[in-house]
Amino acid sequence: MRGLEQSLFDSGMPVAALMEKVGLAMASWLLKRRDLLRNGVLVLVGPGHNGGDGLVVARELHLAGIEVSLWCPLAIRKQLTADHLRHGEWLGLRRLRQDPDPADAALWLDAIFGLGQSRALPDCLADLFRRRQQMQPGALISLDMPSGLCSDHGTVLGEQAACASVTLSVGWLKRGLCLDPARPWVGALVRIDLGLPPAVMGNAAAVLPRRLPVGEACAAPLPALPPIAMKYERGRCLVVAGSDRYPGAAHLALRVAMASGCGCVQAVVPPCLQSNLWQVLPEVMQLEEGVIPDRLDAVLVGPGLGNPSRWWNPWSEQLRTVAGLLVLDADGINALASSPEGWRWLLQRQGPTWLTPHAAEFARLFPECGEGDALERVIAAARCSRCCILLKGAHSVLADSSGAAVVLTGTSPRVARTGLGDLLAGFVTGWGAQVIAAQQQPGLESFVASTALHGLAARRAQSSDASAIADCLKILAARCQKKQTTMFNKV
């Protein structure tokens, strides 16, 4: 974003013109939501150009008949901001001479610090934002960035940041706003378009991570299968899951592998499930433990398997030679992490591999990739292992061996429940099997599509129970059979 701004200034665009453009766009967004402004507005004006943006917004709201006050907690450092402040006072905007009341009913607009923050908030501001959230939760909107938040990594610079109900991010969405650490502070994330032509925006789309709100997952591009394809030509997958201690993991993974639309689902399950699996999932074909069939499009290994040392050695050579997609989840990842070769075993794989770790599993498998934020870690791991990796979180992050990455947003806390990881693993495996059956490569976009549908099902289901979410996944997958559209937004 800094590079874009500098290119605009180098082209001859005055700083004041860009500030006016930004402030007008933000004011327009607010004026379309006058219910937010019914108790008046207090603009918290920072010392730099973010404060100037806020003053343009304050001016426009004032001219539109909104009661607006200003508060400048720090000395103004930029002349352009000082000029806007002087003009605002000339227009009649009231400037507070003492600290505002954190219980004030007015909407607060946080325009103190914007892009590129690197220092913690002064103690007085940190305390004010803390009390504001306690006394008037949700009554603050941040302009471009919540003050006190790192725009690159989404981490709090110190112990407190502004807690926004909405963040109006200018131009590109700032990278850190889409990551887990920022989630408690950002609120709803809105991109304020600068109205610039694509040519001016340059190659940012090629170097920035992509962002997919799960609400758009119904546009997921599942390749069309031939209308005359028989069951074995509509995807064949094998699920190796469950144990006497965790039989439910196998049941959940198999249920959504079927829900994905996969034509043939086979299973290797523990003895406690073998006798009655046909009663609940009669379509699933049971196999004897020990041999993986040759003609498979996808294999899932891991949910609920338990004790990795018991089964990894007998299975690892067969898994290495699986020509189709291999999905490793849960104890599949733990087994690989505890094996002598570790993640380097993945370099011997003859087919594509998807990994679905949560943070602790990721750390065990990729101890060398522990530096940086979630995006940096998952990109590094995907590059070195040559796999597609999903690092699960509130904002799950996916990456492939090229370094391309996608952040899922708009997810529901409902996915943070026992059993939902088993649903995810089974569903992406069934989805990936159909991609291969359609003679396409199961790459990052297929992985993202199936993961996003899982997140959307959790958001739309009437209940947070795994069974309800599995039923919703079945409905969503059926709708996606006919979709052939692009689904990504740019960060």
Protein backbone atom coordinates (compact mmCIF):
# COMPACT_ATOMS: atom_id res chain seq x y z
CA MET A 1 0.00 0.00 0.00
CA ARG A 2 2.89 2.31 0.73
CA GLY A 3 4.29 1.50 -2.70
CA LEU A 4 0.98 2.33 -4.33
CA GLU A 5 0.77 5.64 -2.48
CA GLN A 6 4.31 6.55 -3.47
CA SER A 7 3.63 5.75 -7.14
CA LEU A 8 0.60 8.06 -7.01
CA PHE A 9 2.67 10.87 -5.51
CA ASP A 10 5.49 10.31 -8.04
CA SER A 11 2.92 10.60 -10.82
CA GLY A 12 2.09 14.12 -9.66
CA MET A 13 -0.95 13.43 -7.48
CA PRO A 14 -0.79 15.76 -4.45
CA VAL A 15 -0.89 14.20 -1.00
CA ALA A 16 -3.85 16.46 -0.26
CA ALA A 17 -5.77 15.02 -3.23
CA LEU A 18 -5.32 11.45 -2.03
CA MET A 19 -6.34 12.43 1.50
CA GLU A 20 -9.48 14.07 0.12
CA LYS A 21 -10.27 10.98 -1.98
CA VAL A 22 -9.88 8.66 1.01
CA GLY A 23 -11.85 10.84 3.41
CA LEU A 24 -14.72 11.34 0.98
CA ALA A 25 -15.01 7.58 0.35
CA MET A 26 -15.11 6.83 4.08
CA ALA A 27 -17.64 9.59 4.73
CA SER A 28 -19.84 8.24 1.94
CA TRP A 29 -19.81 4.77 3.53
CA LEU A 30 -20.82 6.23 6.89
CA LEU A 31 -23.55 8.50 5.51
CA LYS A 32 -25.24 5.48 3.95
CA ARG A 33 -25.59 4.12 7.50
CA ARG A 34 -27.05 7.07 9.35
CA ASP A 35 -28.38 4.86 12.14
CA LEU A 36 -24.76 4.56 13.29
CA LEU A 37 -24.55 8.35 13.53
CA ARG A 38 -27.80 9.06 15.38
CA ASN A 39 -26.03 9.92 18.68
CA GLY A 40 -23.38 12.07 17.02
CA VAL A 41 -19.75 11.36 16.22
CA LEU A 42 -16.44 11.92 17.98
CA VAL A 43 -13.38 11.79 15.70
CA LEU A 44 -10.15 10.85 17.45
CA VAL A 45 -7.53 12.71 15.42
CA GLY A 46 -4.00 11.37 15.22
CA PRO A 47 -0.79 13.33 14.60
CA GLY A 48 -0.18 12.12 11.04
CA HIS A 49 -2.05 11.72 7.78
CA ASN A 50 -4.45 9.17 9.25
CA GLY A 51 -5.65 12.01 11.45
CA GLY A 52 -6.03 14.11 8.31
CA ASP A 53 -8.24 11.42 6.75
CA GLY A 54 -10.35 11.52 9.88
CA LEU A 55 -10.69 15.30 9.66
CA VAL A 56 -11.96 15.08 6.07
CA VAL A 57 -14.55 12.56 7.28
CA ALA A 58 -15.46 14.87 10.19
CA ARG A 59 -15.94 17.80 7.82
CA GLU A 60 -18.21 15.88 5.47
CA LEU A 61 -20.34 14.46 8.28
CA HIS A 62 -20.66 17.94 9.79
CA LEU A 63 -21.73 19.43 6.44
CA ALA A 64 -24.31 16.64 6.14
CA GLY A 65 -25.92 17.75 9.40
CA ILE A 66 -24.32 15.24 11.79
CA GLU A 67 -23.19 16.50 15.19
CA VAL A 68 -19.41 16.01 15.16
CA SER A 69 -16.74 16.71 17.77
CA LEU A 70 -12.95 16.39 17.53
CA TRP A 71 -10.34 15.23 20.02
CA CYS A 72 -6.58 15.45 19.40
CA PRO A 73 -4.75 13.41 22.06
CA LEU A 74 -1.28 14.00 20.54
CA ALA A 75 0.48 16.98 19.02
CA ILE A 76 -0.21 17.29 15.27
CA ARG A 77 2.98 16.55 13.28
CA LYS A 78 1.83 16.89 9.66
CA GLN A 79 1.09 20.31 8.21
CA LEU A 80 -1.72 19.00 6.00
CA THR A 81 -3.46 17.53 9.04
CA ALA A 82 -2.99 20.80 10.94
CA ASP A 83 -4.55 22.68 8.01
CA HIS A 84 -7.60 20.39 7.99
CA LEU A 85 -7.95 20.84 11.75
CA ARG A 86 -7.87 24.62 11.43
CA HIS A 87 -10.44 24.52 8.62
CA GLY A 88 -12.69 22.18 10.61
CA GLU A 89 -12.69 24.51 13.59
CA TRP A 90 -13.42 27.45 11.27
CA LEU A 91 -16.48 25.52 10.01
CA GLY A 92 -17.71 25.17 13.58
CA LEU A 93 -16.53 21.69 14.58
CA ARG A 94 -16.14 21.55 18.37
CA ARG A 95 -12.75 20.44 19.67
CA LEU A 96 -12.59 18.79 23.08
CA ARG A 97 -10.04 20.25 25.46
CA GLN A 98 -10.11 17.30 27.86
CA ASP A 99 -10.19 13.53 27.57
CA PRO A 100 -13.50 12.18 26.25
CA ASP A 101 -15.84 10.19 28.45
CA PRO A 102 -15.47 6.49 27.51
CA ALA A 103 -19.20 6.05 28.24
CA ASP A 104 -20.09 8.69 25.61
CA ALA A 105 -23.06 7.55 23.50
CA ALA A 106 -21.60 9.04 20.30
CA LEU A 107 -19.93 6.86 17.69
CA TRP A 108 -16.15 7.15 17.96
CA LEU A 109 -14.07 7.22 14.77
CA ASP A 110 -10.53 6.06 15.47
CA ALA A 111 -8.20 8.04 13.19
CA ILE A 112 -5.18 8.14 15.48
CA PHE A 113 -2.72 5.74 13.83
CA GLY A 114 -2.96 4.05 10.42
CA LEU A 115 -0.69 2.06 8.12
CA GLY A 116 2.73 0.96 9.39
CA GLN A 117 2.29 1.30 13.14
CA SER A 118 5.33 0.02 15.03
CA ARG A 119 4.94 1.28 18.60
CA ALA A 120 2.59 0.42 21.42
CA LEU A 121 -0.10 2.95 22.25
CA PRO A 122 0.69 5.47 24.99
CA ASP A 123 -0.65 4.23 28.31
CA CYS A 124 -3.34 6.91 28.43
CA LEU A 125 -4.75 5.88 25.03
CA ALA A 126 -4.51 2.17 25.79
CA ASP A 127 -6.49 2.73 28.99
CA LEU A 128 -9.07 4.88 27.18
CA PHE A 129 -9.67 2.25 24.48
CA ARG A 130 -9.95 -0.47 27.14
CA ARG A 131 -12.58 1.49 29.07
CA ARG A 132 -14.41 2.44 25.87
CA GLN A 133 -14.88 -1.23 24.95
CA GLN A 134 -16.07 -2.01 28.47
CA MET A 135 -18.59 0.83 28.62
CA GLN A 136 -19.70 1.15 24.98
CA PRO A 137 -18.83 -2.10 23.20
CA GLY A 138 -19.16 -1.86 19.44
CA ALA A 139 -19.41 1.92 19.36
CA LEU A 140 -16.06 2.53 17.62
CA ILE A 141 -15.06 2.37 13.96
CA SER A 142 -11.41 2.44 12.91
CA LEU A 143 -10.26 4.26 9.80
CA ASP A 144 -7.80 2.11 7.83
CA MET A 145 -6.36 0.30 10.90
CA PRO A 146 -7.32 -0.05 14.57
CA SER A 147 -4.82 2.07 16.46
CA GLY A 148 -2.26 -0.09 18.23
CA LEU A 149 -2.39 -2.95 15.71
CA CYS A 150 0.43 -4.08 13.40
CA SER A 151 -0.78 -3.81 9.80
CA ASP A 152 1.52 -6.60 8.56
CA HIS A 153 0.94 -9.29 11.20
CA GLY A 154 -2.27 -8.25 12.98
CA THR A 155 -0.62 -8.41 16.39
CA VAL A 156 -1.23 -5.88 19.17
CA LEU A 157 1.72 -3.54 19.66
CA GLY A 158 1.78 -3.70 23.43
CA GLU A 159 -1.21 -4.89 25.42
CA GLN A 160 -4.14 -2.92 24.01
CA ALA A 161 -5.48 -1.66 20.69
CA ALA A 162 -8.66 0.08 19.60
CA CYS A 163 -11.46 -2.49 19.54
CA ALA A 164 -13.49 -1.74 16.40
CA SER A 165 -16.88 -2.96 15.33
CA VAL A 166 -15.88 -2.07 11.75
CA THR A 167 -12.51 -1.34 10.14
CA LEU A 168 -12.56 0.69 6.91
CA SER A 169 -9.37 -0.42 5.18
CA VAL A 170 -8.21 1.91 2.41
CA GLY A 171 -7.10 0.56 -0.99
CA TRP A 172 -5.90 -2.98 -0.36
CA LEU A 173 -6.93 -4.83 2.76
CA LYS A 174 -3.91 -4.81 5.02
CA ARG A 175 -2.39 -8.25 5.37
CA GLY A 176 -2.49 -8.36 9.15
CA LEU A 177 -6.20 -7.56 9.29
CA CYS A 178 -7.01 -11.01 7.85
CA LEU A 179 -4.96 -13.04 10.36
CA ASP A 180 -6.05 -14.61 13.64
CA PRO A 181 -4.34 -12.19 16.07
CA ALA A 182 -6.32 -9.27 14.60
CA ARG A 183 -9.73 -10.90 14.84
CA PRO A 184 -10.68 -9.58 18.32
CA TRP A 185 -9.86 -6.01 17.27
CA VAL A 186 -10.93 -5.56 13.64
CA GLY A 187 -14.66 -6.32 13.69
CA ALA A 188 -16.27 -6.31 10.24
CA LEU A 189 -13.62 -5.69 7.58
CA VAL A 190 -14.62 -3.31 4.79
CA ARG A 191 -12.42 -2.38 1.85
CA ILE A 192 -12.67 1.27 0.83
CA ASP A 193 -12.03 1.36 -2.91
CA LEU A 194 -9.96 4.28 -4.14
CA GLY A 195 -11.61 4.15 -7.57
CA LEU A 196 -8.29 3.65 -9.36
CA PRO A 197 -8.07 1.70 -12.66
CA PRO A 198 -6.44 -1.77 -12.51
CA ALA A 199 -3.39 -0.56 -14.42
CA VAL A 200 -2.63 1.91 -11.64
CA MET A 201 -2.95 -0.77 -8.96
CA GLY A 202 0.01 -2.51 -10.61
CA ASN A 203 1.03 -6.10 -9.89
CA ALA A 204 -0.19 -6.21 -6.30
CA ALA A 205 -2.63 -9.01 -7.14
CA ALA A 206 0.31 -11.19 -8.16
CA VAL A 207 2.23 -10.78 -4.90
CA LEU A 208 -0.49 -10.43 -2.26
CA PRO A 209 -2.21 -13.37 -0.59
CA ARG A 210 -5.80 -13.87 -1.66
CA ARG A 211 -8.81 -13.67 0.63
CA LEU A 212 -11.95 -15.76 0.40
CA PRO A 213 -14.95 -14.99 2.62
CA VAL A 214 -16.57 -18.39 3.18
CA GLY A 215 -19.94 -16.84 2.29
CA GLU A 216 -18.79 -16.91 -1.35
CA ALA A 217 -17.90 -20.60 -1.25
CA CYS A 218 -21.01 -21.63 -3.18
CA ALA A 219 -19.15 -20.41 -6.27
CA ALA A 220 -16.56 -23.14 -5.66
CA PRO A 221 -15.24 -24.50 -8.98
CA LEU A 222 -15.83 -28.26 -8.81
CA PRO A 223 -14.94 -29.64 -12.26
CA ALA A 224 -17.87 -31.07 -14.19
CA LEU A 225 -17.92 -34.85 -14.42
CA PRO A 226 -19.19 -36.55 -17.59
CA PRO A 227 -22.97 -37.01 -17.45
CA ILE A 228 -22.58 -40.68 -18.41
CA ALA A 229 -19.86 -41.43 -15.86
CA MET A 230 -20.41 -44.54 -13.77
CA LYS A 231 -19.83 -44.61 -10.01
CA TYR A 232 -16.12 -45.46 -10.28
CA GLU A 233 -15.64 -42.55 -12.68
CA ARG A 234 -17.12 -40.06 -10.19
CA GLY A 235 -14.29 -40.30 -7.71
CA ARG A 236 -13.01 -43.22 -5.65
CA CYS A 237 -11.69 -42.54 -2.17
CA LEU A 238 -10.47 -44.57 0.78
CA VAL A 239 -10.79 -43.39 4.39
CA VAL A 240 -8.43 -44.94 6.93
CA ALA A 241 -9.68 -43.65 10.26
CA GLY A 242 -10.91 -44.42 13.74
CA SER A 243 -9.79 -46.65 16.59
CA ASP A 244 -11.43 -48.44 19.49
CA ARG A 245 -10.96 -45.23 21.48
CA TYR A 246 -12.11 -42.84 18.71
CA PRO A 247 -14.66 -44.69 16.54
CA GLY A 248 -16.69 -41.51 15.94
CA ALA A 249 -13.87 -39.91 13.93
CA ALA A 250 -14.18 -42.59 11.24
CA HIS A 251 -17.97 -42.28 11.13
CA LEU A 252 -17.87 -38.49 10.68
CA ALA A 253 -15.13 -38.57 8.02
CA LEU A 254 -16.97 -41.24 6.03
CA ARG A 255 -20.30 -39.46 6.29
CA VAL A 256 -19.02 -36.28 4.64
CA ALA A 257 -16.88 -38.12 2.11
CA MET A 258 -20.22 -39.50 0.92
CA ALA A 259 -21.82 -36.03 1.22
CA SER A 260 -19.16 -34.55 -1.08
CA GLY A 261 -20.67 -36.43 -4.02
CA CYS A 262 -17.80 -38.88 -4.41
CA GLY A 263 -18.95 -41.89 -6.44
CA CYS A 264 -17.30 -44.66 -4.41
CA VAL A 265 -16.22 -44.43 -0.77
CA GLN A 266 -14.23 -47.27 0.83
CA ALA A 267 -13.08 -47.60 4.42
CA VAL A 268 -10.61 -49.24 6.74
CA VAL A 269 -12.10 -48.87 10.21
CA PRO A 270 -11.54 -50.37 13.68
CA PRO A 271 -13.20 -53.67 14.69
CA CYS A 272 -15.74 -51.86 16.89
CA LEU A 273 -17.24 -50.25 13.75
CA GLN A 274 -16.95 -53.09 11.28
CA SER A 275 -20.04 -55.00 12.36
CA ASN A 276 -22.54 -52.14 12.25
CA LEU A 277 -21.13 -49.62 9.78
CA TRP A 278 -23.41 -50.92 7.06
CA GLN A 279 -26.46 -49.99 9.18
CA VAL A 280 -25.59 -46.28 9.28
CA LEU A 281 -23.55 -45.91 6.06
CA PRO A 282 -24.65 -48.76 3.80
CA GLU A 283 -22.98 -47.22 0.73
CA VAL A 284 -19.47 -47.50 2.22
CA MET A 285 -17.38 -50.49 1.11
CA GLN A 286 -15.29 -51.96 3.95
CA LEU A 287 -11.76 -53.23 3.28
CA GLU A 288 -9.43 -55.36 5.35
CA GLU A 289 -6.61 -53.49 7.04
CA GLY A 290 -3.22 -53.78 5.40
CA VAL A 291 -3.62 -53.29 1.64
CA ILE A 292 -4.46 -50.09 -0.23
CA PRO A 293 -6.17 -50.74 -3.58
CA ASP A 294 -4.35 -49.52 -6.68
CA ARG A 295 -7.29 -47.80 -8.35
CA LEU A 296 -8.02 -44.89 -6.05
CA ASP A 297 -8.33 -41.16 -6.68
CA ALA A 298 -7.83 -40.09 -3.05
CA VAL A 299 -6.84 -41.58 0.30
CA LEU A 300 -7.46 -40.02 3.72
CA VAL A 301 -5.34 -41.22 6.64
CA GLY A 302 -5.50 -40.03 10.20
CA PRO A 303 -8.77 -39.04 11.90
CA GLY A 304 -8.93 -40.81 15.26
CA LEU A 305 -6.31 -43.46 14.43
CA GLY A 306 -4.49 -43.07 17.73
CA ASN A 307 -1.05 -44.55 18.52
CA PRO A 308 1.06 -43.55 15.48
CA SER A 309 3.83 -46.07 16.10
CA ARG A 310 1.33 -48.94 15.76
CA TRP A 311 0.42 -48.38 12.13
CA TRP A 312 2.81 -45.92 10.44
CA ASN A 313 5.59 -48.36 9.54
CA PRO A 314 3.28 -50.95 7.91
CA TRP A 315 1.44 -48.26 5.95
CA SER A 316 4.10 -45.68 5.06
CA GLU A 317 5.50 -47.44 1.98
CA GLN A 318 2.05 -47.91 0.48
CA LEU A 319 1.14 -44.29 1.20
CA ARG A 320 4.33 -43.11 -0.47
CA THR A 321 3.34 -44.82 -3.72
CA VAL A 322 -0.34 -43.73 -3.81
CA ALA A 323 -0.63 -42.11 -7.24
CA GLY A 324 -3.77 -40.19 -6.38
CA LEU A 325 -4.32 -37.53 -3.74
CA LEU A 326 -3.15 -38.29 -0.20
CA VAL A 327 -4.76 -36.33 2.63
CA LEU A 328 -3.04 -36.53 6.02
CA ASP A 329 -5.01 -35.33 9.02
CA ALA A 330 -4.68 -35.54 12.81
CA ASP A 331 -2.86 -38.78 13.74
CA GLY A 332 -1.69 -39.13 10.15
CA ILE A 333 0.25 -35.90 10.66
CA ASN A 334 1.38 -36.93 14.15
CA ALA A 335 2.65 -40.26 12.80
CA LEU A 336 4.62 -38.52 10.08
CA ALA A 337 6.05 -36.03 12.58
CA SER A 338 7.28 -38.85 14.85
CA SER A 339 8.77 -40.92 12.04
CA PRO A 340 12.55 -40.83 11.44
CA GLU A 341 12.23 -38.91 8.17
CA GLY A 342 9.63 -36.43 9.41
CA TRP A 343 8.21 -34.10 6.76
CA ARG A 344 11.00 -35.05 4.32
CA TRP A 345 9.07 -38.28 3.68
CA LEU A 346 6.65 -36.07 1.72
CA LEU A 347 9.36 -35.37 -0.87
CA GLN A 348 9.19 -39.04 -1.90
CA ARG A 349 5.47 -38.95 -2.62
CA GLN A 350 4.48 -39.96 -6.15
CA GLY A 351 1.19 -38.03 -6.13
CA PRO A 352 -0.20 -34.78 -4.69
CA THR A 353 -0.56 -34.37 -0.94
CA TRP A 354 -2.84 -32.19 1.22
CA LEU A 355 -2.13 -31.65 4.93
CA THR A 356 -4.71 -30.35 7.43
CA PRO A 357 -2.88 -29.58 10.71
CA HIS A 358 -3.96 -27.35 13.55
CA ALA A 359 -1.27 -25.19 15.16
CA ALA A 360 0.19 -27.83 17.51
CA GLU A 361 0.30 -30.51 14.80
CA PHE A 362 1.92 -28.05 12.42
CA ALA A 363 4.61 -27.20 14.99
CA ARG A 364 5.39 -30.89 15.54
CA LEU A 365 5.70 -31.63 11.81
CA PHE A 366 7.50 -28.44 10.77
CA PRO A 367 9.66 -27.29 13.70
CA GLU A 368 11.91 -25.40 11.27
CA CYS A 369 8.96 -23.26 10.12
CA GLY A 370 8.12 -21.70 13.48
CA GLU A 371 9.08 -18.09 12.71
CA GLY A 372 6.65 -15.40 11.61
CA ASP A 373 2.89 -15.26 11.42
CA ALA A 374 0.54 -17.96 10.15
CA LEU A 375 0.92 -16.91 6.50
CA GLU A 376 4.70 -16.91 6.64
CA ARG A 377 4.84 -20.28 8.41
CA VAL A 378 2.43 -22.10 6.12
CA ILE A 379 4.04 -20.72 2.95
CA ALA A 380 7.48 -21.82 4.15
CA ALA A 381 6.22 -25.32 5.00
CA ALA A 382 4.37 -25.72 1.70
CA ARG A 383 7.46 -24.71 -0.26
CA CYS A 384 9.84 -27.07 1.51
CA SER A 385 7.45 -30.06 1.56
CA ARG A 386 5.98 -29.49 -1.95
CA CYS A 387 2.48 -29.99 -0.54
CA CYS A 388 -0.72 -28.01 -0.18
CA ILE A 389 -1.16 -27.19 3.50
CA LEU A 390 -4.15 -25.94 5.46
CA LEU A 391 -3.20 -24.40 8.81
CA LYS A 392 -6.47 -24.40 10.71
CA GLY A 393 -7.50 -21.40 12.80
CA ALA A 394 -10.19 -18.77 13.20
CA HIS A 395 -8.89 -17.49 9.86
CA SER A 396 -7.52 -20.65 8.26
CA VAL A 397 -4.56 -20.18 5.93
CA LEU A 398 -3.76 -22.35 2.91
CA ALA A 399 -0.68 -22.38 0.70
CA ASP A 400 0.94 -24.48 -2.04
CA SER A 401 4.51 -25.17 -3.08
CA SER A 402 4.67 -22.09 -5.32
CA GLY A 403 4.10 -19.80 -2.32
CA ALA A 404 0.57 -18.87 -3.38
CA ALA A 405 -1.66 -18.44 -0.33
CA VAL A 406 -5.31 -17.89 0.58
CA VAL A 407 -6.82 -16.68 3.85
CA LEU A 408 -10.37 -17.77 4.69
CA THR A 409 -12.46 -15.10 6.42
CA GLY A 410 -16.02 -14.81 7.64
CA THR A 411 -15.83 -18.13 9.45
CA SER A 412 -17.92 -19.11 12.45
CA PRO A 413 -16.67 -20.09 15.92
CA ARG A 414 -18.86 -23.18 15.43
CA VAL A 415 -16.00 -24.90 13.60
CA ALA A 416 -13.96 -24.95 16.83
CA ARG A 417 -15.64 -28.10 18.15
CA THR A 418 -14.73 -31.75 18.56
CA GLY A 419 -15.47 -33.67 15.37
CA LEU A 420 -15.45 -30.74 12.97
CA GLY A 421 -11.87 -31.52 11.90
CA ASP A 422 -12.97 -35.05 11.00
CA LEU A 423 -15.74 -33.58 8.85
CA LEU A 424 -13.27 -31.30 7.12
CA ALA A 425 -10.80 -34.10 6.39
CA GLY A 426 -13.46 -36.40 4.96
CA PHE A 427 -15.06 -33.70 2.86
CA VAL A 428 -11.87 -32.39 1.24
CA THR A 429 -10.85 -35.98 0.44
CA GLY A 430 -14.14 -36.74 -1.32
CA TRP A 431 -13.94 -33.41 -3.13
CA GLY A 432 -10.35 -34.03 -4.21
CA ALA A 433 -11.25 -37.49 -5.51
CA GLN A 434 -13.84 -35.93 -7.82
CA VAL A 435 -11.30 -33.37 -9.07
CA ILE A 436 -8.96 -36.19 -10.08
CA ALA A 437 -11.84 -38.16 -11.60
CA ALA A 438 -12.50 -35.11 -13.78
CA GLN A 439 -8.85 -35.40 -14.89
CA GLN A 440 -7.79 -32.17 -13.24
CA GLN A 441 -4.99 -31.45 -10.80
CA PRO A 442 -6.08 -31.23 -7.13
CA GLY A 443 -4.27 -27.99 -6.40
CA LEU A 444 -4.70 -25.05 -4.07
CA GLU A 445 -7.99 -23.80 -5.53
CA SER A 446 -9.70 -27.18 -5.08
CA PHE A 447 -8.40 -27.40 -1.52
CA VAL A 448 -9.59 -23.88 -0.74
CA ALA A 449 -12.99 -24.50 -2.30
CA SER A 450 -13.74 -27.59 -0.22
CA THR A 451 -12.39 -26.01 2.97
CA ALA A 452 -14.48 -22.89 2.43
CA LEU A 453 -17.62 -24.98 1.96
CA HIS A 454 -16.93 -26.62 5.32
CA GLY A 455 -16.72 -23.16 6.89
CA LEU A 456 -19.90 -22.03 5.16
CA ALA A 457 -21.80 -25.12 6.33
CA ALA A 458 -20.78 -24.41 9.92
CA ARG A 459 -22.10 -20.87 9.54
CA ARG A 460 -25.39 -21.84 7.90
CA ALA A 461 -26.30 -24.98 9.84
CA GLN A 462 -29.21 -24.63 12.25
CA SER A 463 -27.13 -26.30 14.96
CA SER A 464 -23.43 -26.50 15.79
CA ASP A 465 -23.64 -30.31 16.09
CA ALA A 466 -21.38 -32.18 13.70
CA SER A 467 -24.39 -34.06 12.28
CA ALA A 468 -26.21 -30.83 11.40
CA ILE A 469 -23.11 -29.41 9.73
CA ALA A 470 -22.61 -32.65 7.78
CA ASP A 471 -26.19 -32.40 6.49
CA CYS A 472 -25.60 -28.79 5.44
CA LEU A 473 -22.38 -29.79 3.66
CA LYS A 474 -24.30 -32.35 1.64
CA ILE A 475 -26.74 -29.66 0.45
CA LEU A 476 -23.97 -27.18 -0.40
CA ALA A 477 -21.92 -29.78 -2.29
CA ALA A 478 -24.93 -30.69 -4.41
CA ARG A 479 -25.43 -27.04 -5.33
CA CYS A 480 -21.79 -26.67 -6.30
CA GLN A 481 -21.94 -29.46 -8.87
CA LYS A 482 -23.22 -26.89 -11.38
CA LYS A 483 -20.99 -23.99 -10.44
CA GLN A 484 -18.08 -23.04 -12.65
CA THR A 485 -17.18 -19.52 -11.46
CA THR A 486 -14.19 -17.83 -9.91
CA MET A 487 -14.42 -17.25 -6.18
CA PHE A 488 -11.49 -15.16 -4.98
CA ASN A 489 -11.22 -11.56 -3.82
CA LYS A 490 -7.89 -9.83 -3.60
CA VAL A 491 -6.51 -8.79 -0.24
